[in-house]
Amino acid sequence: MKKGVFHSLILAISMAIILIGCNASTNNINEERGVGEDNKTYTGKDLESINKINNLIKGQEKYIKEENKEKYMETISKENREYYWEKIHWFDDIISADITEYSLQVLKVDKIDDFKFRAQLLQKYHCNEKDYSLKYSNIYTIEDDKILDYDLDFKTIQTEHFIVKYLGELELKDWICEEAEKGYSIATENYGDTPKDKTIIKLYNDRELLRQSVKLSFGWQFGGWYEYPESIKFLKLEKENNNFRRGIAHELIHKITIGESANNMPYWLAEGLAEYFSKEDSMRDSYHPAFELIELDKIDLENYEGNAYEYYKSSRYYIDKIINKYGIDKVKEILKGLSEYGLQEKTNGEIYLENNKRFYEVLEKVLDKTFEELNTEFRD
């Protein structure tokens, strides 16, 4: 959804973002290699772990080609809940999209400590008549004598309400932490509810890494992303940007409202709420939406090639109208009604039509009107 789909548009509201998600294949490291390319001396036990990492990556590549989600998820560490869910959604995209010629090659493996290793990988695949290639580093851990895929090579800092994970160096560390907390204040004060736990933010230093981390099938790059119950992802900032705090607020509203609806919201509702409650300014009375509500409802945002900025702005417009007429309590009642369908584990790009139908049903119960009637009511 959602969930924080950013586009070129999202850049307009503020953010920037990036992440990854993938796996590999190659030949075992030979026992004869007593010294690594990093000039570290490897023990026999180290080399055994490196061989296991190579075998695990070969297995991941095999499971991806076979679309064997169950076996693939057995290779992922459960220590970081958000990463585990990111890989679930990443693999679901593999199954639903036309991904071919997938390969994952190990370029190098280094030991970090007795329980962690870093692998440099080369991922290649074909999708939508295009060939893609990406080099990145991934961490593998030893947990109960088993090698598991742990996530990218992130460093971590914490604030009162956030765990910030970043790649490489973070020159604006203090500023980012301060702005994230300001974004938290905007979101929670405007909406009135707070997240149940600390929010994980992942900052990436490459747009293509972010795109391929989220979904291999995406045909465009973006600056930020949120999928429930994953981390919030942004492209790492190189200079101060006044919109960053609002980007954080936008994604936090996604986290709160998607949680309250159990991930059953239509795209336009999710984006409209995030836009409405992350802004400190009001919409101009002269604004005319580019879409009717019923038109927004038909757009699959993840595959939309039109004017995304107008999509977001129109979504906010209708949320503004609904809240002004019916009140925020009615909106929250709709979210509660949606949650009664149970947790929707798939991403909105896969089930947005189903979520739309659920919204129609709850709308009639809460506002006693059909979606078509709501569309007519707010048509200029």
Protein backbone atom coordinates (compact mmCIF):
# COMPACT_ATOMS: atom_id res chain seq x y z
CA MET A 1 0.00 0.00 0.00
CA LYS A 2 0.23 1.83 1.14
CA LYS A 3 1.78 2.14 2.76
CA GLY A 4 4.12 4.52 1.89
CA VAL A 5 4.41 4.18 -1.74
CA PHE A 6 6.65 7.00 -2.74
CA HIS A 7 7.07 7.93 -6.35
CA SER A 8 8.54 10.93 -7.94
CA LEU A 9 5.60 12.28 -6.13
CA ILE A 10 6.79 11.28 -2.81
CA LEU A 11 9.74 13.37 -3.37
CA ALA A 12 7.35 16.28 -3.46
CA ILE A 13 6.06 15.53 0.00
CA SER A 14 9.38 14.92 1.31
CA MET A 15 11.36 11.91 1.35
CA ALA A 16 13.86 9.83 0.09
CA ILE A 17 14.62 6.24 0.72
CA ILE A 18 16.15 2.88 -0.03
CA LEU A 19 16.62 -0.76 0.90
CA ILE A 20 17.32 -4.23 -0.40
CA GLY A 21 16.41 -7.82 -0.23
CA CYS A 22 17.88 -10.79 -2.08
CA ASN A 23 20.14 -13.85 -2.04
CA ALA A 24 22.72 -16.00 -3.86
CA SER A 25 24.68 -18.82 -5.49
CA THR A 26 28.25 -19.84 -6.18
CA ASN A 27 30.91 -22.47 -5.54
CA ASN A 28 32.18 -23.39 -2.07
CA ILE A 29 35.24 -21.62 -0.67
CA ASN A 30 38.10 -24.11 -0.78
CA GLU A 31 39.80 -25.29 2.43
CA GLU A 32 43.10 -24.32 0.84
CA ARG A 33 42.23 -20.67 1.28
CA GLY A 34 43.85 -20.02 4.65
CA VAL A 35 43.99 -16.24 4.24
CA GLY A 36 41.08 -14.11 3.08
CA GLU A 37 41.25 -11.29 0.56
CA ASP A 38 40.98 -8.92 3.52
CA ASN A 39 44.29 -10.35 4.82
CA LYS A 40 42.59 -12.05 7.76
CA THR A 41 43.68 -15.57 8.61
CA TYR A 42 40.76 -17.98 8.62
CA THR A 43 40.63 -21.04 10.86
CA GLY A 44 39.22 -24.35 9.72
CA LYS A 45 36.00 -23.50 11.55
CA ASP A 46 35.79 -20.14 9.74
CA LEU A 47 36.20 -21.85 6.37
CA GLU A 48 33.50 -24.34 7.29
CA SER A 49 31.13 -21.43 8.07
CA ILE A 50 32.04 -19.72 4.79
CA ASN A 51 31.25 -22.91 2.88
CA LYS A 52 27.91 -23.13 4.68
CA ILE A 53 27.15 -19.53 3.67
CA ASN A 54 27.86 -20.38 0.05
CA ASN A 55 25.62 -23.43 0.27
CA LEU A 56 22.84 -21.41 1.91
CA ILE A 57 23.00 -18.81 -0.87
CA LYS A 58 22.95 -21.52 -3.51
CA GLY A 59 19.89 -22.92 -1.77
CA GLN A 60 18.21 -19.51 -1.74
CA GLU A 61 18.79 -19.13 -5.47
CA LYS A 62 17.32 -22.59 -6.02
CA TYR A 63 14.23 -21.84 -3.91
CA ILE A 64 13.67 -18.56 -5.76
CA LYS A 65 13.79 -20.31 -9.12
CA GLU A 66 11.43 -23.00 -7.84
CA GLU A 67 9.19 -20.38 -6.11
CA ASN A 68 9.48 -22.43 -2.92
CA LYS A 69 8.59 -19.80 -0.31
CA GLU A 70 8.53 -22.18 2.65
CA LYS A 71 12.08 -23.41 2.13
CA TYR A 72 13.35 -19.91 1.34
CA MET A 73 11.95 -18.46 4.57
CA GLU A 74 13.75 -21.17 6.55
CA THR A 75 17.01 -19.44 5.52
CA ILE A 76 16.00 -16.06 7.03
CA SER A 77 16.81 -15.06 10.60
CA LYS A 78 13.78 -14.26 12.77
CA GLU A 79 15.77 -12.05 15.12
CA ASN A 80 14.66 -8.88 13.29
CA ARG A 81 10.91 -9.17 12.83
CA GLU A 82 10.72 -6.39 10.25
CA TYR A 83 13.34 -8.03 8.04
CA TYR A 84 11.54 -11.38 8.18
CA TRP A 85 8.34 -9.70 6.94
CA GLU A 86 10.27 -7.79 4.28
CA LYS A 87 11.50 -11.08 2.90
CA ILE A 88 8.00 -12.59 3.00
CA HIS A 89 6.65 -9.74 0.88
CA TRP A 90 9.74 -9.78 -1.34
CA PHE A 91 9.25 -13.45 -2.10
CA ASP A 92 5.48 -13.04 -2.66
CA ASP A 93 6.41 -10.62 -5.44
CA ILE A 94 8.70 -13.26 -6.96
CA ILE A 95 5.74 -15.63 -7.12
CA SER A 96 3.25 -13.15 -8.56
CA ALA A 97 5.57 -11.35 -11.00
CA ASP A 98 7.25 -12.53 -14.19
CA ILE A 99 10.80 -12.83 -12.82
CA THR A 100 13.12 -14.96 -14.99
CA GLU A 101 16.84 -15.73 -15.37
CA TYR A 102 17.43 -15.10 -11.66
CA SER A 103 20.95 -15.63 -10.33
CA LEU A 104 22.85 -14.70 -7.18
CA GLN A 105 26.63 -14.96 -7.21
CA VAL A 106 28.95 -14.74 -4.21
CA LEU A 107 31.85 -12.40 -4.96
CA LYS A 108 33.55 -12.44 -1.57
CA VAL A 109 32.93 -13.50 2.04
CA ASP A 110 34.61 -11.84 5.06
CA LYS A 111 34.46 -12.70 8.73
CA ILE A 112 33.16 -9.92 11.02
CA ASP A 113 33.32 -11.86 14.31
CA ASP A 114 32.82 -15.42 15.53
CA PHE A 115 29.09 -15.27 14.75
CA LYS A 116 28.79 -12.88 11.77
CA PHE A 117 30.05 -12.86 8.19
CA ARG A 118 29.66 -10.35 5.36
CA ALA A 119 29.08 -11.55 1.79
CA GLN A 120 29.38 -9.37 -1.29
CA LEU A 121 26.79 -10.53 -3.82
CA LEU A 122 25.85 -9.98 -7.43
CA GLN A 123 22.14 -10.34 -8.18
CA LYS A 124 20.81 -10.58 -11.73
CA TYR A 125 17.36 -11.19 -13.20
CA HIS A 126 15.04 -10.37 -16.08
CA CYS A 127 11.62 -8.72 -15.67
CA ASN A 128 9.25 -6.78 -17.94
CA GLU A 129 11.61 -7.00 -20.91
CA LYS A 130 14.54 -5.57 -18.93
CA ASP A 131 17.73 -7.04 -17.48
CA TYR A 132 18.78 -5.98 -13.99
CA SER A 133 22.08 -6.33 -12.12
CA LEU A 134 23.02 -5.22 -8.60
CA LYS A 135 26.02 -5.65 -6.29
CA TYR A 136 25.40 -5.42 -2.55
CA SER A 137 26.64 -6.72 0.81
CA ASN A 138 24.59 -8.95 3.09
CA ILE A 139 25.16 -10.22 6.63
CA TYR A 140 24.93 -13.88 7.65
CA THR A 141 24.85 -15.07 11.25
CA ILE A 142 25.43 -18.29 13.13
CA GLU A 143 22.38 -19.03 15.29
CA ASP A 144 22.26 -22.36 17.15
CA ASP A 145 24.98 -23.73 14.83
CA LYS A 146 22.88 -22.78 11.80
CA ILE A 147 23.79 -20.16 9.16
CA LEU A 148 20.99 -17.66 8.48
CA ASP A 149 20.44 -14.59 6.28
CA TYR A 150 20.44 -11.63 8.70
CA ASP A 151 19.89 -8.47 6.54
CA LEU A 152 22.03 -5.86 4.83
CA ASP A 153 25.20 -4.52 6.44
CA PHE A 154 23.48 -1.90 8.62
CA LYS A 155 24.86 0.17 11.48
CA THR A 156 22.39 1.25 14.17
CA ILE A 157 21.59 4.28 16.33
CA GLN A 158 18.54 4.88 18.54
CA THR A 159 16.35 7.81 19.58
CA GLU A 160 13.41 7.92 21.95
CA HIS A 161 10.94 6.59 19.37
CA PHE A 162 13.13 5.17 16.57
CA ILE A 163 15.79 2.61 15.76
CA VAL A 164 17.69 4.04 12.79
CA LYS A 165 19.63 1.59 10.62
CA TYR A 166 21.92 2.94 7.92
CA LEU A 167 24.43 1.81 5.30
CA GLY A 168 27.92 3.28 5.10
CA GLU A 169 28.57 6.53 6.93
CA LEU A 170 25.87 8.89 8.22
CA GLU A 171 27.15 12.46 8.23
CA LEU A 172 23.81 14.02 9.27
CA LYS A 173 23.32 11.64 12.18
CA ASP A 174 22.26 14.19 14.83
CA TRP A 175 20.07 16.14 12.40
CA ILE A 176 18.31 13.00 11.15
CA CYS A 177 17.57 11.87 14.69
CA GLU A 178 16.16 15.29 15.61
CA GLU A 179 14.05 15.51 12.44
CA ALA A 180 12.70 11.99 12.92
CA GLU A 181 11.48 12.93 16.40
CA LYS A 182 9.86 16.09 14.97
CA GLY A 183 8.12 13.90 12.41
CA TYR A 184 6.90 11.69 15.24
CA SER A 185 5.39 14.71 16.98
CA ILE A 186 3.63 15.87 13.79
CA ALA A 187 2.07 12.45 13.17
CA THR A 188 1.00 11.62 16.71
CA GLU A 189 -0.27 15.09 17.59
CA ASN A 190 -2.25 15.42 14.36
CA TYR A 191 -3.76 11.93 14.42
CA GLY A 192 -4.07 11.45 18.17
CA ASP A 193 -2.72 7.89 18.36
CA THR A 194 0.85 6.59 18.73
CA PRO A 195 2.73 3.52 17.45
CA LYS A 196 2.78 0.62 19.89
CA ASP A 197 6.56 0.19 19.75
CA LYS A 198 9.73 1.81 18.49
CA THR A 199 9.75 2.32 14.73
CA ILE A 200 12.63 1.02 12.62
CA ILE A 201 13.92 3.34 9.90
CA LYS A 202 16.31 1.98 7.27
CA LEU A 203 18.40 4.46 5.31
CA TYR A 204 19.86 3.32 1.98
CA ASN A 205 22.61 4.84 -0.12
CA ASP A 206 21.38 3.61 -3.51
CA ARG A 207 17.95 3.89 -5.17
CA GLU A 208 18.32 0.65 -7.10
CA LEU A 209 19.20 -1.21 -3.92
CA LEU A 210 16.04 0.16 -2.35
CA ARG A 211 13.91 -0.81 -5.34
CA GLN A 212 15.23 -4.35 -5.53
CA SER A 213 14.94 -4.75 -1.76
CA VAL A 214 11.24 -3.97 -1.83
CA LYS A 215 10.09 -5.75 -5.00
CA LEU A 216 12.02 -6.97 -8.01
CA SER A 217 9.03 -6.33 -10.26
CA PHE A 218 8.88 -2.55 -9.76
CA GLY A 219 9.59 -0.75 -13.01
CA TRP A 220 10.51 2.53 -11.31
CA GLN A 221 12.71 3.78 -8.49
CA PHE A 222 11.38 5.65 -5.48
CA GLY A 223 12.60 7.62 -2.51
CA GLY A 224 10.73 5.90 0.29
CA TRP A 225 8.56 2.92 1.18
CA TYR A 226 6.51 1.39 3.97
CA GLU A 227 4.76 -1.97 3.99
CA TYR A 228 3.08 -3.28 7.15
CA PRO A 229 4.72 -4.55 9.39
CA GLU A 230 8.09 -3.79 7.83
CA SER A 231 10.59 -1.00 8.51
CA ILE A 232 10.21 2.50 7.10
CA LYS A 233 12.69 2.86 4.25
CA PHE A 234 14.31 6.05 2.95
CA LEU A 235 17.09 7.06 0.64
CA LYS A 236 19.91 8.37 2.84
CA LEU A 237 20.08 12.16 2.78
CA GLU A 238 23.33 13.89 1.86
CA LYS A 239 22.16 17.35 2.97
CA GLU A 240 19.49 18.79 5.24
CA ASN A 241 16.00 18.74 3.78
CA ASN A 242 13.04 20.46 5.44
CA ASN A 243 10.67 17.82 4.06
CA PHE A 244 12.34 14.88 5.83
CA ARG A 245 10.31 15.24 9.02
CA ARG A 246 7.06 15.23 7.03
CA GLY A 247 8.22 12.14 5.21
CA ILE A 248 8.71 10.44 8.56
CA ALA A 249 5.27 11.67 9.66
CA HIS A 250 3.70 10.35 6.43
CA GLU A 251 5.16 6.87 6.94
CA LEU A 252 4.30 6.83 10.66
CA ILE A 253 0.66 7.53 9.83
CA HIS A 254 0.84 4.53 7.50
CA LYS A 255 2.23 2.40 10.31
CA ILE A 256 -0.47 3.50 12.76
CA THR A 257 -3.50 3.41 10.45
CA ILE A 258 -2.53 0.26 8.57
CA GLY A 259 -2.10 -1.41 11.95
CA GLU A 260 -5.53 -0.18 13.06
CA SER A 261 -7.14 -1.53 9.88
CA ALA A 262 -5.14 -4.80 9.92
CA ASN A 263 -3.79 -3.86 6.49
CA ASN A 264 -7.23 -3.89 4.84
CA MET A 265 -7.34 -0.32 3.48
CA PRO A 266 -7.74 0.77 -0.15
CA TYR A 267 -4.71 2.55 -1.58
CA TRP A 268 -6.37 5.96 -1.80
CA LEU A 269 -7.57 5.80 1.81
CA ALA A 270 -4.12 4.86 3.12
CA GLU A 271 -2.35 7.55 1.12
CA GLY A 272 -5.00 10.15 1.81
CA LEU A 273 -4.73 9.63 5.57
CA ALA A 274 -0.93 9.73 5.46
CA GLU A 275 -0.96 12.94 3.43
CA TYR A 276 -3.67 14.61 5.51
CA PHE A 277 -2.14 13.92 8.94
CA SER A 278 1.51 14.51 7.99
CA LYS A 279 0.91 18.07 6.78
CA GLU A 280 0.97 21.24 8.84
CA ASP A 281 -0.79 23.31 6.19
CA SER A 282 -4.40 23.09 5.02
CA MET A 283 -5.52 22.49 1.45
CA ARG A 284 -6.36 25.54 -0.59
CA ASP A 285 -10.08 26.06 -1.10
CA SER A 286 -9.42 26.51 -4.80
CA TYR A 287 -7.93 23.04 -5.23
CA HIS A 288 -9.80 20.85 -7.69
CA PRO A 289 -9.00 17.10 -7.51
CA ALA A 290 -7.57 15.51 -10.63
CA PHE A 291 -9.61 12.36 -10.00
CA GLU A 292 -13.08 11.53 -8.80
CA LEU A 293 -13.05 9.24 -5.78
CA ILE A 294 -14.34 6.35 -7.84
CA GLU A 295 -11.45 6.85 -10.29
CA LEU A 296 -8.84 6.79 -7.52
CA ASP A 297 -10.33 3.54 -6.30
CA LYS A 298 -9.55 1.79 -9.59
CA ILE A 299 -5.85 2.70 -9.68
CA ASP A 300 -3.26 0.10 -8.66
CA LEU A 301 -0.70 2.57 -7.36
CA GLU A 302 2.23 0.16 -7.51
CA ASN A 303 1.78 -0.15 -11.27
CA TYR A 304 0.47 3.35 -11.97
CA GLU A 305 2.32 5.28 -14.66
CA GLY A 306 0.31 8.50 -14.49
CA ASN A 307 0.71 11.63 -12.35
CA ALA A 308 1.38 10.20 -8.89
CA TYR A 309 1.59 13.65 -7.33
CA GLU A 310 -2.02 14.35 -8.30
CA TYR A 311 -3.04 10.91 -7.03
CA TYR A 312 -1.69 11.71 -3.57
CA LYS A 313 -3.11 15.20 -3.55
CA SER A 314 -6.55 14.01 -4.68
CA SER A 315 -6.52 11.30 -2.00
CA ARG A 316 -5.79 13.91 0.65
CA TYR A 317 -8.60 16.09 -0.74
CA TYR A 318 -11.23 13.37 -0.17
CA ILE A 319 -9.97 12.58 3.32
CA ASP A 320 -10.26 16.28 4.11
CA LYS A 321 -13.88 16.26 2.85
CA ILE A 322 -14.81 13.10 4.76
CA ILE A 323 -13.30 14.31 8.04
CA ASN A 324 -14.86 17.77 7.74
CA LYS A 325 -18.31 16.28 7.21
CA TYR A 326 -18.29 13.10 9.30
CA GLY A 327 -15.45 13.62 11.78
CA ILE A 328 -12.27 11.72 12.53
CA ASP A 329 -14.13 9.33 14.86
CA LYS A 330 -16.09 7.96 11.89
CA VAL A 331 -12.86 7.44 9.98
CA LYS A 332 -11.41 5.50 12.91
CA GLU A 333 -14.63 3.51 13.13
CA ILE A 334 -14.13 2.54 9.47
CA LEU A 335 -10.57 1.41 10.23
CA LYS A 336 -11.81 -0.65 13.17
CA GLY A 337 -14.45 -2.22 10.94
CA LEU A 338 -11.78 -3.14 8.39
CA SER A 339 -9.65 -4.75 11.11
CA GLU A 340 -12.46 -7.23 11.80
CA TYR A 341 -11.58 -9.02 8.55
CA GLY A 342 -8.33 -10.10 10.20
CA LEU A 343 -4.74 -9.35 9.26
CA GLN A 344 -4.20 -9.05 5.51
CA GLU A 345 -0.70 -10.51 5.16
CA LYS A 346 -0.18 -9.80 1.48
CA THR A 347 0.85 -6.42 0.12
CA ASN A 348 -1.70 -4.06 -1.36
CA GLY A 349 -0.40 -4.48 -4.90
CA GLU A 350 -1.56 -8.09 -4.71
CA ILE A 351 -4.92 -7.58 -3.00
CA TYR A 352 -6.00 -3.96 -3.56
CA LEU A 353 -9.26 -4.99 -5.27
CA GLU A 354 -10.14 -7.22 -2.32
CA ASN A 355 -9.38 -4.38 0.10
CA ASN A 356 -11.60 -2.07 -1.96
CA LYS A 357 -14.56 -4.46 -1.59
CA ARG A 358 -14.03 -4.69 2.15
CA PHE A 359 -14.07 -0.90 2.36
CA TYR A 360 -17.41 -0.75 0.47
CA GLU A 361 -18.96 -3.13 3.00
CA VAL A 362 -17.67 -1.26 6.06
CA LEU A 363 -18.62 2.11 4.56
CA GLU A 364 -22.26 1.09 4.32
CA LYS A 365 -22.25 -0.06 7.95
CA VAL A 366 -20.56 3.08 9.31
CA LEU A 367 -21.92 5.89 7.10
CA ASP A 368 -25.01 4.10 5.76
CA LYS A 369 -24.16 4.87 2.15
CA THR A 370 -22.59 3.15 -0.82
CA PHE A 371 -19.24 4.05 -2.27
CA GLU A 372 -20.98 5.38 -5.38
CA GLU A 373 -23.09 7.66 -3.19
CA LEU A 374 -19.96 8.90 -1.41
CA ASN A 375 -18.37 9.64 -4.77
CA THR A 376 -21.43 11.62 -5.88
CA GLU A 377 -21.52 13.53 -2.60
CA PHE A 378 -18.01 14.91 -3.05
CA ARG A 379 -18.08 15.37 -6.80
CA ASP A 380 -17.57 19.03 -7.71
